[in-house]
Amino acid sequence: MKIKANFDMTREEENWYVENILKELNISSEDEVETVSLTIGKDGNVDADVQLKKQEKFERIRRITGYLVGTVDRWNNAKKAELKDRVKHAG
């Protein structure tokens, strides 16, 4: 995680800001954060801009006939045909 600031601060102050920002945003780990930019506004308050890391792609899981399945690449031809013939409803 990279911390940018337009003012000088100690390492303890950096840690305090990061800890409170993560708590406020309900982020469980610093590993999820790319950068934190801290600026002092005209009102004297410190503003934080948090840039999160891109999330890994997720695997699509379908529920078909009561079973949770990921990919259909291991299905036999009959099961693939059943999937193709299913009626898709508007969500």
PDB file of N, CA and C in Angstrom:
ATOM      1  N   MET A   1       0.855  -1.170   0.000  1.00  0.00           N
ATOM      2  CA  MET A   1       0.000   0.000   0.000  1.00  0.00           C
ATOM      3  C   MET A   1       0.898   1.229   0.000  1.00  0.00           C
ATOM      4  N   LYS A   2       0.522   2.182  -0.833  1.00  0.00           N
ATOM      5  CA  LYS A   2       1.267   3.419  -0.945  1.00  0.00           C
ATOM      6  C   LYS A   2       0.471   4.546  -0.282  1.00  0.00           C
ATOM      7  N   ILE A   3       1.166   5.364   0.496  1.00  0.00           N
ATOM      8  CA  ILE A   3       0.506   6.486   1.164  1.00  0.00           C
ATOM      9  C   ILE A   3       1.072   7.789   0.599  1.00  0.00           C
ATOM     10  N   LYS A   4       0.169   8.648   0.117  1.00  0.00           N
ATOM     11  CA  LYS A   4       0.558   9.964  -0.400  1.00  0.00           C
ATOM     12  C   LYS A   4      -0.073  11.017   0.498  1.00  0.00           C
ATOM     13  N   ALA A   5       0.671  12.075   0.769  1.00  0.00           N
ATOM     14  CA  ALA A   5       0.119  13.154   1.596  1.00  0.00           C
ATOM     15  C   ALA A   5       0.710  14.481   1.143  1.00  0.00           C
ATOM     16  N   ASN A   6      -0.092  15.540   1.270  1.00  0.00           N
ATOM     17  CA  ASN A   6       0.400  16.872   0.927  1.00  0.00           C
ATOM     18  C   ASN A   6       0.879  17.619   2.176  1.00  0.00           C
ATOM     19  N   PHE A   7       1.200  16.863   3.218  1.00  0.00           N
ATOM     20  CA  PHE A   7       1.705  17.450   4.454  1.00  0.00           C
ATOM     21  C   PHE A   7       2.636  16.437   5.118  1.00  0.00           C
ATOM     22  N   ASP A   8       3.492  16.922   5.992  1.00  0.00           N
ATOM     23  CA  ASP A   8       4.427  16.050   6.705  1.00  0.00           C
ATOM     24  C   ASP A   8       3.734  15.394   7.888  1.00  0.00           C
ATOM     25  N   MET A   9       4.075  14.131   8.101  1.00  0.00           N
ATOM     26  CA  MET A   9       3.547  13.422   9.261  1.00  0.00           C
ATOM     27  C   MET A   9       4.500  12.304   9.638  1.00  0.00           C
ATOM     28  N   THR A  10       4.396  11.873  10.868  1.00  0.00           N
ATOM     29  CA  THR A  10       5.247  10.785  11.346  1.00  0.00           C
ATOM     30  C   THR A  10       4.672   9.436  10.907  1.00  0.00           C
ATOM     31  N   ARG A  11       5.468   8.399  11.056  1.00  0.00           N
ATOM     32  CA  ARG A  11       5.011   7.046  10.729  1.00  0.00           C
ATOM     33  C   ARG A  11       3.830   6.655  11.626  1.00  0.00           C
ATOM     34  N   GLU A  12       3.855   7.079  12.881  1.00  0.00           N
ATOM     35  CA  GLU A  12       2.744   6.796  13.803  1.00  0.00           C
ATOM     36  C   GLU A  12       1.452   7.433  13.321  1.00  0.00           C
ATOM     37  N   GLU A  13       1.547   8.672  12.816  1.00  0.00           N
ATOM     38  CA  GLU A  13       0.356   9.341  12.289  1.00  0.00           C
ATOM     39  C   GLU A  13      -0.165   8.634  11.039  1.00  0.00           C
ATOM     40  N   GLU A  14       0.741   8.222  10.155  1.00  0.00           N
ATOM     41  CA  GLU A  14       0.335   7.454   8.972  1.00  0.00           C
ATOM     42  C   GLU A  14      -0.439   6.209   9.380  1.00  0.00           C
ATOM     43  N   ASN A  15       0.134   5.471  10.325  1.00  0.00           N
ATOM     44  CA  ASN A  15      -0.516   4.243  10.796  1.00  0.00           C
ATOM     45  C   ASN A  15      -1.886   4.522  11.395  1.00  0.00           C
ATOM     46  N   TRP A  16      -2.002   5.616  12.138  1.00  0.00           N
ATOM     47  CA  TRP A  16      -3.275   5.975  12.757  1.00  0.00           C
ATOM     48  C   TRP A  16      -4.327   6.265  11.686  1.00  0.00           C
ATOM     49  N   TYR A  17      -3.945   7.066  10.668  1.00  0.00           N
ATOM     50  CA  TYR A  17      -4.887   7.382   9.586  1.00  0.00           C
ATOM     51  C   TYR A  17      -5.319   6.111   8.857  1.00  0.00           C
ATOM     52  N   VAL A  18      -4.347   5.282   8.489  1.00  0.00           N
ATOM     53  CA  VAL A  18      -4.664   4.058   7.750  1.00  0.00           C
ATOM     54  C   VAL A  18      -5.571   3.148   8.567  1.00  0.00           C
ATOM     55  N   GLU A  19      -5.246   2.947   9.830  1.00  0.00           N
ATOM     56  CA  GLU A  19      -6.055   2.090  10.703  1.00  0.00           C
ATOM     57  C   GLU A  19      -7.498   2.584  10.786  1.00  0.00           C
ATOM     58  N   ASN A  20      -7.678   3.887  10.945  1.00  0.00           N
ATOM     59  CA  ASN A  20      -9.023   4.447  11.064  1.00  0.00           C
ATOM     60  C   ASN A  20      -9.779   4.440   9.737  1.00  0.00           C
ATOM     61  N   ILE A  21      -9.066   4.661   8.642  1.00  0.00           N
ATOM     62  CA  ILE A  21      -9.707   4.614   7.328  1.00  0.00           C
ATOM     63  C   ILE A  21     -10.207   3.198   7.034  1.00  0.00           C
ATOM     64  N   LEU A  22      -9.355   2.205   7.286  1.00  0.00           N
ATOM     65  CA  LEU A  22      -9.753   0.809   7.044  1.00  0.00           C
ATOM     66  C   LEU A  22     -10.959   0.427   7.905  1.00  0.00           C
ATOM     67  N   LYS A  23     -10.938   0.880   9.145  1.00  0.00           N
ATOM     68  CA  LYS A  23     -12.052   0.580  10.047  1.00  0.00           C
ATOM     69  C   LYS A  23     -13.343   1.239   9.556  1.00  0.00           C
ATOM     70  N   GLU A  24     -13.240   2.499   9.152  1.00  0.00           N
ATOM     71  CA  GLU A  24     -14.415   3.247   8.682  1.00  0.00           C
ATOM     72  C   GLU A  24     -15.004   2.635   7.411  1.00  0.00           C
ATOM     73  N   LEU A  25     -14.135   2.149   6.515  1.00  0.00           N
ATOM     74  CA  LEU A  25     -14.595   1.568   5.254  1.00  0.00           C
ATOM     75  C   LEU A  25     -14.867   0.070   5.353  1.00  0.00           C
ATOM     76  N   ASN A  26     -14.661  -0.485   6.543  1.00  0.00           N
ATOM     77  CA  ASN A  26     -14.891  -1.919   6.785  1.00  0.00           C
ATOM     78  C   ASN A  26     -14.028  -2.787   5.855  1.00  0.00           C
ATOM     79  N   ILE A  27     -12.757  -2.401   5.715  1.00  0.00           N
ATOM     80  CA  ILE A  27     -11.791  -3.161   4.925  1.00  0.00           C
ATOM     81  C   ILE A  27     -10.950  -3.963   5.904  1.00  0.00           C
ATOM     82  N   SER A  28     -10.873  -5.266   5.680  1.00  0.00           N
ATOM     83  CA  SER A  28     -10.249  -6.142   6.660  1.00  0.00           C
ATOM     84  C   SER A  28      -8.725  -6.196   6.566  1.00  0.00           C
ATOM     85  N   SER A  29      -8.149  -5.833   5.425  1.00  0.00           N
ATOM     86  CA  SER A  29      -6.710  -5.980   5.263  1.00  0.00           C
ATOM     87  C   SER A  29      -6.136  -4.854   4.423  1.00  0.00           C
ATOM     88  N   GLU A  30      -4.927  -4.424   4.775  1.00  0.00           N
ATOM     89  CA  GLU A  30      -4.227  -3.407   3.980  1.00  0.00           C
ATOM     90  C   GLU A  30      -3.925  -3.934   2.587  1.00  0.00           C
ATOM     91  N   ASP A  31      -3.884  -5.245   2.414  1.00  0.00           N
ATOM     92  CA  ASP A  31      -3.584  -5.847   1.117  1.00  0.00           C
ATOM     93  C   ASP A  31      -4.626  -5.502   0.063  1.00  0.00           C
ATOM     94  N   GLU A  32      -5.828  -5.099   0.476  1.00  0.00           N
ATOM     95  CA  GLU A  32      -6.896  -4.743  -0.457  1.00  0.00           C
ATOM     96  C   GLU A  32      -6.735  -3.320  -1.009  1.00  0.00           C
ATOM     97  N   VAL A  33      -5.841  -2.535  -0.402  1.00  0.00           N
ATOM     98  CA  VAL A  33      -5.716  -1.118  -0.736  1.00  0.00           C
ATOM     99  C   VAL A  33      -4.476  -0.880  -1.586  1.00  0.00           C
ATOM    100  N   GLU A  34      -4.651  -0.150  -2.680  1.00  0.00           N
ATOM    101  CA  GLU A  34      -3.523   0.221  -3.552  1.00  0.00           C
ATOM    102  C   GLU A  34      -2.844   1.474  -3.015  1.00  0.00           C
ATOM    103  N   THR A  35      -3.616   2.575  -2.893  1.00  0.00           N
ATOM    104  CA  THR A  35      -3.055   3.825  -2.384  1.00  0.00           C
ATOM    105  C   THR A  35      -4.043   4.544  -1.470  1.00  0.00           C
ATOM    106  N   VAL A  36      -3.486   5.321  -0.561  1.00  0.00           N
ATOM    107  CA  VAL A  36      -4.270   6.221   0.288  1.00  0.00           C
ATOM    108  C   VAL A  36      -3.666   7.607   0.096  1.00  0.00           C
ATOM    109  N   SER A  37      -4.470   8.542  -0.365  1.00  0.00           N
ATOM    110  CA  SER A  37      -4.018   9.923  -0.548  1.00  0.00           C
ATOM    111  C   SER A  37      -4.669  10.782   0.522  1.00  0.00           C
ATOM    112  N   LEU A  38      -3.832  11.464   1.287  1.00  0.00           N
ATOM    113  CA  LEU A  38      -4.315  12.326   2.365  1.00  0.00           C
ATOM    114  C   LEU A  38      -4.026  13.778   2.010  1.00  0.00           C
ATOM    115  N   THR A  39      -5.024  14.625   2.146  1.00  0.00           N
ATOM    116  CA  THR A  39      -4.846  16.050   1.888  1.00  0.00           C
ATOM    117  C   THR A  39      -5.526  16.848   2.993  1.00  0.00           C
ATOM    118  N   ILE A  40      -4.950  18.003   3.280  1.00  0.00           N
ATOM    119  CA  ILE A  40      -5.576  18.905   4.250  1.00  0.00           C
ATOM    120  C   ILE A  40      -6.414  19.900   3.467  1.00  0.00           C
ATOM    121  N   GLY A  41      -7.695  19.921   3.761  1.00  0.00           N
ATOM    122  CA  GLY A  41      -8.607  20.830   3.079  1.00  0.00           C
ATOM    123  C   GLY A  41      -8.523  22.238   3.628  1.00  0.00           C
ATOM    124  N   LYS A  42      -9.227  23.157   2.980  1.00  0.00           N
ATOM    125  CA  LYS A  42      -9.237  24.553   3.414  1.00  0.00           C
ATOM    126  C   LYS A  42      -9.824  24.709   4.810  1.00  0.00           C
ATOM    127  N   ASP A  43     -10.699  23.749   5.173  1.00  0.00           N
ATOM    128  CA  ASP A  43     -11.314  23.802   6.499  1.00  0.00           C
ATOM    129  C   ASP A  43     -10.404  23.228   7.586  1.00  0.00           C
ATOM    130  N   GLY A  44      -9.223  22.718   7.185  1.00  0.00           N
ATOM    131  CA  GLY A  44      -8.285  22.161   8.157  1.00  0.00           C
ATOM    132  C   GLY A  44      -8.465  20.678   8.419  1.00  0.00           C
ATOM    133  N   ASN A  45      -9.514  20.098   7.875  1.00  0.00           N
ATOM    134  CA  ASN A  45      -9.736  18.665   8.046  1.00  0.00           C
ATOM    135  C   ASN A  45      -8.907  17.874   7.046  1.00  0.00           C
ATOM    136  N   VAL A  46      -8.555  16.650   7.431  1.00  0.00           N
ATOM    137  CA  VAL A  46      -7.811  15.770   6.541  1.00  0.00           C
ATOM    138  C   VAL A  46      -8.807  14.955   5.726  1.00  0.00           C
ATOM    139  N   ASP A  47      -8.660  15.015   4.400  1.00  0.00           N
ATOM    140  CA  ASP A  47      -9.502  14.239   3.498  1.00  0.00           C
ATOM    141  C   ASP A  47      -8.699  13.047   3.001  1.00  0.00           C
ATOM    142  N   ALA A  48      -9.359  11.907   2.880  1.00  0.00           N
ATOM    143  CA  ALA A  48      -8.696  10.689   2.416  1.00  0.00           C
ATOM    144  C   ALA A  48      -9.349  10.195   1.135  1.00  0.00           C
ATOM    145  N   ASP A  49      -8.511   9.828   0.184  1.00  0.00           N
ATOM    146  CA  ASP A  49      -8.967   9.200  -1.052  1.00  0.00           C
ATOM    147  C   ASP A  49      -8.318   7.825  -1.085  1.00  0.00           C
ATOM    148  N   VAL A  50      -9.136   6.784  -1.119  1.00  0.00           N
ATOM    149  CA  VAL A  50      -8.639   5.415  -1.064  1.00  0.00           C
ATOM    150  C   VAL A  50      -8.859   4.739  -2.409  1.00  0.00           C
ATOM    151  N   GLN A  51      -7.787   4.208  -2.976  1.00  0.00           N
ATOM    152  CA  GLN A  51      -7.850   3.463  -4.235  1.00  0.00           C
ATOM    153  C   GLN A  51      -7.658   1.983  -3.906  1.00  0.00           C
ATOM    154  N   LEU A  52      -8.691   1.177  -4.193  1.00  0.00           N
ATOM    155  CA  LEU A  52      -8.611  -0.253  -3.915  1.00  0.00           C
ATOM    156  C   LEU A  52      -7.958  -0.990  -5.071  1.00  0.00           C
ATOM    157  N   LYS A  53      -7.347  -2.135  -4.774  1.00  0.00           N
ATOM    158  CA  LYS A  53      -6.758  -2.975  -5.813  1.00  0.00           C
ATOM    159  C   LYS A  53      -7.870  -3.651  -6.589  1.00  0.00           C
ATOM    160  N   LYS A  54      -7.579  -3.987  -7.836  1.00  0.00           N
ATOM    161  CA  LYS A  54      -8.559  -4.705  -8.639  1.00  0.00           C
ATOM    162  C   LYS A  54      -8.787  -6.077  -8.022  1.00  0.00           C
ATOM    163  N   GLN A  55     -10.027  -6.483  -8.008  1.00  0.00           N
ATOM    164  CA  GLN A  55     -10.382  -7.779  -7.457  1.00  0.00           C
ATOM    165  C   GLN A  55     -10.124  -8.868  -8.492  1.00  0.00           C
ATOM    166  N   GLU A  56      -9.763 -10.035  -7.985  1.00  0.00           N
ATOM    167  CA  GLU A  56      -9.577 -11.182  -8.860  1.00  0.00           C
ATOM    168  C   GLU A  56     -10.912 -11.527  -9.507  1.00  0.00           C
ATOM    169  N   LYS A  57     -10.839 -12.094 -10.693  1.00  0.00           N
ATOM    170  CA  LYS A  57     -12.064 -12.532 -11.337  1.00  0.00           C
ATOM    171  C   LYS A  57     -12.686 -13.640 -10.498  1.00  0.00           C
ATOM    172  N   PHE A  58     -13.974 -13.730 -10.541  1.00  0.00           N
ATOM    173  CA  PHE A  58     -14.653 -14.757  -9.784  1.00  0.00           C
ATOM    174  C   PHE A  58     -15.215 -15.805 -10.725  1.00  0.00           C
ATOM    175  N   GLU A  59     -15.364 -16.988 -10.191  1.00  0.00           N
ATOM    176  CA  GLU A  59     -15.896 -18.086 -10.979  1.00  0.00           C
ATOM    177  C   GLU A  59     -17.412 -18.084 -10.864  1.00  0.00           C
ATOM    178  N   ARG A  60     -18.063 -18.199 -11.991  1.00  0.00           N
ATOM    179  CA  ARG A  60     -19.520 -18.230 -12.003  1.00  0.00           C
ATOM    180  C   ARG A  60     -19.980 -19.608 -11.560  1.00  0.00           C
ATOM    181  N   ILE A  61     -20.914 -19.633 -10.653  1.00  0.00           N
ATOM    182  CA  ILE A  61     -21.487 -20.889 -10.181  1.00  0.00           C
ATOM    183  C   ILE A  61     -22.969 -20.869 -10.496  1.00  0.00           C
ATOM    184  N   ARG A  62     -23.420 -21.942 -11.101  1.00  0.00           N
ATOM    185  CA  ARG A  62     -24.832 -22.047 -11.452  1.00  0.00           C
ATOM    186  C   ARG A  62     -25.489 -23.087 -10.557  1.00  0.00           C
ATOM    187  N   ARG A  63     -26.768 -22.904 -10.377  1.00  0.00           N
ATOM    188  CA  ARG A  63     -27.551 -23.916  -9.667  1.00  0.00           C
ATOM    189  C   ARG A  63     -28.477 -24.530 -10.691  1.00  0.00           C
ATOM    190  N   ILE A  64     -28.186 -25.764 -11.039  1.00  0.00           N
ATOM    191  CA  ILE A  64     -28.972 -26.458 -12.049  1.00  0.00           C
ATOM    192  C   ILE A  64     -29.470 -27.761 -11.444  1.00  0.00           C
ATOM    193  N   THR A  65     -30.744 -27.952 -11.503  1.00  0.00           N
ATOM    194  CA  THR A  65     -31.422 -29.141 -10.948  1.00  0.00           C
ATOM    195  C   THR A  65     -30.929 -29.473  -9.545  1.00  0.00           C
ATOM    196  N   GLY A  66     -30.763 -28.435  -8.748  1.00  0.00           N
ATOM    197  CA  GLY A  66     -30.428 -28.647  -7.343  1.00  0.00           C
ATOM    198  C   GLY A  66     -28.949 -28.771  -7.043  1.00  0.00           C
ATOM    199  N   TYR A  67     -28.092 -28.772  -8.063  1.00  0.00           N
ATOM    200  CA  TYR A  67     -26.659 -28.912  -7.840  1.00  0.00           C
ATOM    201  C   TYR A  67     -25.944 -27.607  -8.150  1.00  0.00           C
ATOM    202  N   LEU A  68     -24.943 -27.271  -7.343  1.00  0.00           N
ATOM    203  CA  LEU A  68     -24.120 -26.106  -7.621  1.00  0.00           C
ATOM    204  C   LEU A  68     -22.964 -26.556  -8.501  1.00  0.00           C
ATOM    205  N   VAL A  69     -22.806 -25.916  -9.639  1.00  0.00           N
ATOM    206  CA  VAL A  69     -21.738 -26.282 -10.563  1.00  0.00           C
ATOM    207  C   VAL A  69     -20.969 -25.037 -10.979  1.00  0.00           C
ATOM    208  N   GLY A  70     -19.676 -25.202 -11.225  1.00  0.00           N
ATOM    209  CA  GLY A  70     -18.848 -24.098 -11.702  1.00  0.00           C
ATOM    210  C   GLY A  70     -18.896 -24.071 -13.211  1.00  0.00           C
ATOM    211  N   THR A  71     -17.961 -24.741 -13.840  1.00  0.00           N
ATOM    212  CA  THR A  71     -17.924 -24.774 -15.295  1.00  0.00           C
ATOM    213  C   THR A  71     -18.648 -26.018 -15.794  1.00  0.00           C
ATOM    214  N   VAL A  72     -19.048 -25.967 -17.049  1.00  0.00           N
ATOM    215  CA  VAL A  72     -19.785 -27.095 -17.628  1.00  0.00           C
ATOM    216  C   VAL A  72     -18.902 -27.902 -18.581  1.00  0.00           C
ATOM    217  N   ASP A  73     -17.591 -27.641 -18.568  1.00  0.00           N
ATOM    218  CA  ASP A  73     -16.702 -28.302 -19.513  1.00  0.00           C
ATOM    219  C   ASP A  73     -16.594 -29.808 -19.286  1.00  0.00           C
ATOM    220  N   ARG A  74     -16.898 -30.292 -18.109  1.00  0.00           N
ATOM    221  CA  ARG A  74     -16.819 -31.731 -17.836  1.00  0.00           C
ATOM    222  C   ARG A  74     -18.171 -32.428 -17.969  1.00  0.00           C
ATOM    223  N   TRP A  75     -19.175 -31.706 -18.397  1.00  0.00           N
ATOM    224  CA  TRP A  75     -20.504 -32.312 -18.549  1.00  0.00           C
ATOM    225  C   TRP A  75     -20.549 -33.176 -19.801  1.00  0.00           C
ATOM    226  N   ASN A  76     -21.409 -34.185 -19.766  1.00  0.00           N
ATOM    227  CA  ASN A  76     -21.613 -34.992 -20.965  1.00  0.00           C
ATOM    228  C   ASN A  76     -22.545 -34.244 -21.922  1.00  0.00           C
ATOM    229  N   ASN A  77     -22.661 -34.755 -23.140  1.00  0.00           N
ATOM    230  CA  ASN A  77     -23.447 -34.070 -24.181  1.00  0.00           C
ATOM    231  C   ASN A  77     -24.912 -33.903 -23.803  1.00  0.00           C
ATOM    232  N   ALA A  78     -25.484 -34.894 -23.135  1.00  0.00           N
ATOM    233  CA  ALA A  78     -26.898 -34.816 -22.750  1.00  0.00           C
ATOM    234  C   ALA A  78     -27.123 -33.667 -21.757  1.00  0.00           C
ATOM    235  N   LYS A  79     -26.224 -33.535 -20.797  1.00  0.00           N
ATOM    236  CA  LYS A  79     -26.374 -32.476 -19.790  1.00  0.00           C
ATOM    237  C   LYS A  79     -26.161 -31.101 -20.439  1.00  0.00           C
ATOM    238  N   LYS A  80     -25.202 -30.994 -21.375  1.00  0.00           N
ATOM    239  CA  LYS A  80     -24.986 -29.732 -22.085  1.00  0.00           C
ATOM    240  C   LYS A  80     -26.200 -29.364 -22.933  1.00  0.00           C
ATOM    241  N   ALA A  81     -26.830 -30.360 -23.553  1.00  0.00           N
ATOM    242  CA  ALA A  81     -28.041 -30.115 -24.351  1.00  0.00           C
ATOM    243  C   ALA A  81     -29.175 -29.636 -23.450  1.00  0.00           C
ATOM    244  N   GLU A  82     -29.277 -30.224 -22.265  1.00  0.00           N
ATOM    245  CA  GLU A  82     -30.306 -29.805 -21.303  1.00  0.00           C
ATOM    246  C   GLU A  82     -30.112 -28.338 -20.925  1.00  0.00           C
ATOM    247  N   LEU A  83     -28.874 -27.947 -20.714  1.00  0.00           N
ATOM    248  CA  LEU A  83     -28.576 -26.551 -20.372  1.00  0.00           C
ATOM    249  C   LEU A  83     -28.940 -25.623 -21.530  1.00  0.00           C
ATOM    250  N   LYS A  84     -28.606 -26.037 -22.758  1.00  0.00           N
ATOM    251  CA  LYS A  84     -28.887 -25.224 -23.935  1.00  0.00           C
ATOM    252  C   LYS A  84     -30.400 -25.045 -24.141  1.00  0.00           C
ATOM    253  N   ASP A  85     -31.177 -26.062 -23.816  1.00  0.00           N
ATOM    254  CA  ASP A  85     -32.619 -26.039 -24.044  1.00  0.00           C
ATOM    255  C   ASP A  85     -33.397 -25.320 -22.932  1.00  0.00           C
ATOM    256  N   ARG A  86     -32.714 -24.947 -21.858  1.00  0.00           N
ATOM    257  CA  ARG A  86     -33.422 -24.296 -20.744  1.00  0.00           C
ATOM    258  C   ARG A  86     -33.997 -22.961 -21.174  1.00  0.00           C
ATOM    259  N   VAL A  87     -35.133 -22.621 -20.609  1.00  0.00           N
ATOM    260  CA  VAL A  87     -35.764 -21.333 -20.873  1.00  0.00           C
ATOM    261  C   VAL A  87     -35.160 -20.312 -19.938  1.00  0.00           C
ATOM    262  N   LYS A  88     -34.616 -19.247 -20.497  1.00  0.00           N
ATOM    263  CA  LYS A  88     -34.000 -18.192 -19.692  1.00  0.00           C
ATOM    264  C   LYS A  88     -35.052 -17.135 -19.387  1.00  0.00           C
ATOM    265  N   HIS A  89     -35.211 -16.811 -18.140  1.00  0.00           N
ATOM    266  CA  HIS A  89     -36.191 -15.829 -17.693  1.00  0.00           C
ATOM    267  C   HIS A  89     -35.505 -14.490 -17.469  1.00  0.00           C
ATOM    268  N   ALA A  90     -36.219 -13.421 -17.757  1.00  0.00           N
ATOM    269  CA  ALA A  90     -35.668 -12.081 -17.534  1.00  0.00           C
ATOM    270  C   ALA A  90     -35.507 -11.853 -16.032  1.00  0.00           C
ATOM    271  N   GLY A  91     -34.390 -11.320 -15.644  1.00  0.00           N
ATOM    272  CA  GLY A  91     -34.100 -11.112 -14.231  1.00  0.00           C
ATOM    273  C   GLY A  91     -34.491  -9.785 -13.798  1.00  0.00           C
TER     274      GLY A  91
END
